[in-house]
């Protein structure tokens, strides 16, 4: 889900592709931001590309 968001897909597009609600996508992305210690989608690509410390 985070990779789809990092690729520029909207929450609605992600939800339709994965047969989920947009609220579920929002919840999962919010949890991903928290785990990656980032503030939003703009930082997502860089956070996913970096190897874990």
N, C-alpha and C. Protein backbone atom coordinates (compact mmCIF):
# COMPACT_ATOMS: atom_id res chain seq x y z
N UNK A 1 0.82 -1.17 0.00
CA UNK A 1 0.00 0.00 0.00
C UNK A 1 0.87 1.25 0.00
N UNK A 2 1.90 1.24 0.82
CA UNK A 2 2.80 2.40 0.89
C UNK A 2 3.53 2.60 -0.44
N UNK A 3 3.89 1.50 -1.08
CA UNK A 3 4.57 1.61 -2.38
C UNK A 3 3.65 2.22 -3.44
N UNK A 4 2.39 1.85 -3.42
CA UNK A 4 1.43 2.44 -4.36
C UNK A 4 1.29 3.93 -4.12
N UNK A 5 1.25 4.33 -2.86
CA UNK A 5 1.16 5.75 -2.53
C UNK A 5 2.42 6.48 -2.95
N UNK A 6 3.57 5.85 -2.74
CA UNK A 6 4.84 6.46 -3.13
C UNK A 6 4.94 6.61 -4.64
N UNK A 7 4.27 5.73 -5.37
CA UNK A 7 4.26 5.82 -6.83
C UNK A 7 3.32 6.89 -7.35
N UNK A 8 2.61 7.57 -6.45
CA UNK A 8 1.76 8.68 -6.85
C UNK A 8 0.28 8.35 -6.98
N UNK A 9 -0.11 7.15 -6.60
CA UNK A 9 -1.53 6.79 -6.69
C UNK A 9 -2.30 7.44 -5.55
N UNK A 10 -3.52 7.81 -5.81
CA UNK A 10 -4.35 8.43 -4.77
C UNK A 10 -4.90 7.35 -3.85
N UNK A 11 -5.38 7.78 -2.69
CA UNK A 11 -5.98 6.83 -1.75
C UNK A 11 -7.15 6.11 -2.40
N UNK A 12 -7.91 6.82 -3.18
CA UNK A 12 -9.06 6.21 -3.85
C UNK A 12 -8.61 5.15 -4.86
N UNK A 13 -7.57 5.46 -5.63
CA UNK A 13 -7.03 4.49 -6.59
C UNK A 13 -6.52 3.24 -5.89
N UNK A 14 -5.81 3.45 -4.79
CA UNK A 14 -5.28 2.33 -4.02
C UNK A 14 -6.42 1.47 -3.48
N UNK A 15 -7.43 2.12 -2.94
CA UNK A 15 -8.58 1.39 -2.38
C UNK A 15 -9.27 0.55 -3.45
N UNK A 16 -9.46 1.11 -4.62
CA UNK A 16 -10.11 0.37 -5.70
C UNK A 16 -9.25 -0.79 -6.17
N UNK A 17 -7.95 -0.59 -6.25
CA UNK A 17 -7.05 -1.64 -6.72
C UNK A 17 -7.00 -2.81 -5.75
N UNK A 18 -7.11 -2.51 -4.45
CA UNK A 18 -6.99 -3.55 -3.42
C UNK A 18 -8.33 -3.98 -2.84
N UNK A 19 -9.42 -3.46 -3.39
CA UNK A 19 -10.77 -3.80 -2.93
C UNK A 19 -10.96 -3.48 -1.45
N UNK A 20 -10.55 -2.27 -1.06
CA UNK A 20 -10.68 -1.79 0.31
C UNK A 20 -11.42 -0.46 0.30
N UNK A 21 -11.75 0.04 1.48
CA UNK A 21 -12.34 1.36 1.58
C UNK A 21 -11.21 2.39 1.65
N UNK A 22 -11.52 3.62 1.29
CA UNK A 22 -10.51 4.67 1.38
C UNK A 22 -10.09 4.89 2.83
N UNK A 23 -11.01 4.70 3.76
CA UNK A 23 -10.69 4.85 5.18
C UNK A 23 -9.66 3.81 5.63
N UNK A 24 -9.74 2.60 5.12
CA UNK A 24 -8.76 1.57 5.44
C UNK A 24 -7.40 1.96 4.90
N UNK A 25 -7.36 2.47 3.69
CA UNK A 25 -6.10 2.92 3.10
C UNK A 25 -5.50 4.04 3.95
N UNK A 26 -6.33 5.02 4.33
CA UNK A 26 -5.86 6.13 5.15
C UNK A 26 -5.28 5.63 6.47
N UNK A 27 -5.93 4.69 7.09
CA UNK A 27 -5.47 4.16 8.37
C UNK A 27 -4.13 3.45 8.22
N UNK A 28 -3.99 2.65 7.17
CA UNK A 28 -2.73 1.93 6.96
C UNK A 28 -1.58 2.88 6.61
N UNK A 29 -1.88 3.89 5.80
CA UNK A 29 -0.83 4.84 5.45
C UNK A 29 -0.41 5.66 6.67
N UNK A 30 -1.37 6.04 7.49
CA UNK A 30 -1.05 6.77 8.72
C UNK A 30 -0.14 5.94 9.61
N UNK A 31 -0.42 4.67 9.75
CA UNK A 31 0.43 3.78 10.54
C UNK A 31 1.81 3.66 9.91
N UNK A 32 1.86 3.61 8.59
CA UNK A 32 3.16 3.53 7.90
C UNK A 32 3.99 4.79 8.14
N UNK A 33 3.35 5.95 8.08
CA UNK A 33 4.06 7.21 8.33
C UNK A 33 4.65 7.19 9.74
N UNK A 34 3.87 6.73 10.68
CA UNK A 34 4.33 6.68 12.08
C UNK A 34 5.53 5.75 12.22
N UNK A 35 5.45 4.56 11.62
CA UNK A 35 6.54 3.59 11.72
C UNK A 35 7.81 4.07 11.02
N UNK A 36 7.63 4.79 9.92
CA UNK A 36 8.78 5.29 9.17
C UNK A 36 9.29 6.63 9.70
N UNK A 37 8.60 7.18 10.70
CA UNK A 37 8.96 8.47 11.30
C UNK A 37 8.98 9.59 10.27
N UNK A 38 7.92 9.63 9.45
CA UNK A 38 7.76 10.69 8.47
C UNK A 38 6.42 11.37 8.71
N UNK A 39 6.23 12.52 8.05
CA UNK A 39 5.02 13.28 8.28
C UNK A 39 3.97 13.14 7.18
N UNK A 40 4.34 12.59 6.04
CA UNK A 40 3.33 12.48 4.99
C UNK A 40 3.83 11.85 3.72
N UNK A 41 2.97 11.87 2.74
CA UNK A 41 3.19 11.21 1.46
C UNK A 41 4.41 11.75 0.72
N UNK A 42 4.69 13.03 0.87
CA UNK A 42 5.82 13.63 0.17
C UNK A 42 7.15 12.99 0.57
N UNK A 43 7.25 12.50 1.78
CA UNK A 43 8.48 11.89 2.27
C UNK A 43 8.49 10.37 2.09
N UNK A 44 7.41 9.83 1.62
CA UNK A 44 7.25 8.38 1.56
C UNK A 44 8.23 7.71 0.61
N UNK A 45 8.43 8.24 -0.57
CA UNK A 45 9.32 7.62 -1.55
C UNK A 45 10.74 7.48 -1.00
N UNK A 46 11.24 8.54 -0.40
CA UNK A 46 12.60 8.51 0.15
C UNK A 46 12.70 7.52 1.30
N UNK A 47 11.68 7.46 2.14
CA UNK A 47 11.70 6.57 3.30
C UNK A 47 11.67 5.11 2.90
N UNK A 48 10.95 4.79 1.84
CA UNK A 48 10.86 3.40 1.38
C UNK A 48 12.15 2.99 0.66
N UNK A 49 12.77 3.93 -0.05
CA UNK A 49 13.97 3.62 -0.82
C UNK A 49 15.19 3.39 0.06
N UNK A 50 15.22 3.97 1.25
CA UNK A 50 16.37 3.85 2.13
C UNK A 50 16.39 2.47 2.78
N UNK A 51 17.55 1.85 2.87
CA UNK A 51 17.63 0.56 3.57
C UNK A 51 17.43 0.79 5.07
N UNK A 52 16.81 -0.17 5.74
CA UNK A 52 16.57 0.00 7.17
C UNK A 52 17.87 0.05 7.96
N UNK A 53 17.88 0.86 9.00
CA UNK A 53 19.09 1.03 9.82
C UNK A 53 19.22 -0.08 10.84
